[in-house]
Amino acid sequence: MRASAFLIVTLMIYLPVAFLLSQRPGADANILSGPFVQYENTHAFIVHPAIPGAKPDDKDNIDQSTLQLYEDGKPLGPAHSVHRDVMVAGQGRYSYWRYNGTMLLFSTSDNTDPNTNGRTYSVADPNAPDPYRAQRRAHQAGAAQAFSGERIK
């Protein structure tokens, strides 16, 4: 009786934790932190985000990025904007580009300075491969094996 009660309590704790670990991070997971560098006194700002698995656009694939930029949780865009349009027109345009690493050239929705406007900027890439998937699967398999009563080698 004690063993089955222990197993039930353990599963009640483990299953919600395993579920949470299996979920991909949302837009809040990649909050961009300043200071954001203004590009040549234009509406454009530059940040170099580290987004595991995200593919930036480059000269050979100008529409491959699926990165989405958010301002206070609301999507900005259009993405893949010509850099000159980001600089001159602004209004939320952005480009995630490979240049000396990766670079996000972006503008705010109202062309204000993201360093002082009080808004939060974040990014998400729903099509980026999950770099932690293998670790979560190994953890889940090990826990399942432990609960089945088999010895772990």
Foldseek 3Di string as FASTA:
>chain_A
DVVVVVLVVVCVVPVVVLVVVQDDDDQVVFWDDDPWDDDPPFLKTKDQGDDAQFDFAEPVRLPPGQKFKDKQNHTFDDESDDLVCCGHVALRYWGFYADVHIMIIHGHNVSDRPVPPPIIMTMDRPPGDDPCNVVSVVVVVVVVCVSVVDDDD
